[in-house]
């Protein structure tokens, strides 16, 4: 009788461990940090890879979002795209070399999203796309920039343009990035 109970306990323990392991492996948890009106930051991978999503999970501003602030009307944010403008990327550059360029860059661009304006897809800005082909096996790397355009998303801007657009749109002075 003791052996049967011991075997049953071992089976229950094994099943419990299996269920817990499967839950950990297959559940991502809540990856959205809500900013109101259907907008959210996607923080699933990690906070250093944040991107802004709309209510349909379309990427509005791709990674990497450096800072953000929001109120009931506006979202303001700064972003550094993975492919830093003005940097010459040579054929055959390793991912570690590209990561190093990104990490040491101080480049920053700014966006303003008016949550109260109509959110309408305007199309794709293909001028921001950059495709690189590597080697005989045709490894393709796509740098999408911020190619999707929406009617209520303003940017990318440099700092001066951003400050001018803030004033034009009436973004409250209290809403600030920490920078």
Foldseek 3Di string as FASTA:
>chain_A
DVVVVVVVVVVVVVVVVVVVVVCVVPDQPDQWDDQDLQKTWGQSVHLQFIFIAGNVRDTQAGDDWDWWWHDHFKIKTKHAFLQHPPDDDDAPDDPVNSVVCSVPDPDIWMKMFGSPDDWAWPFFDCVQWDWDFHDPVGDIDIRRHRGIDTPRMDDRDHPVVVVVVCVVVVPDPVTDIPD
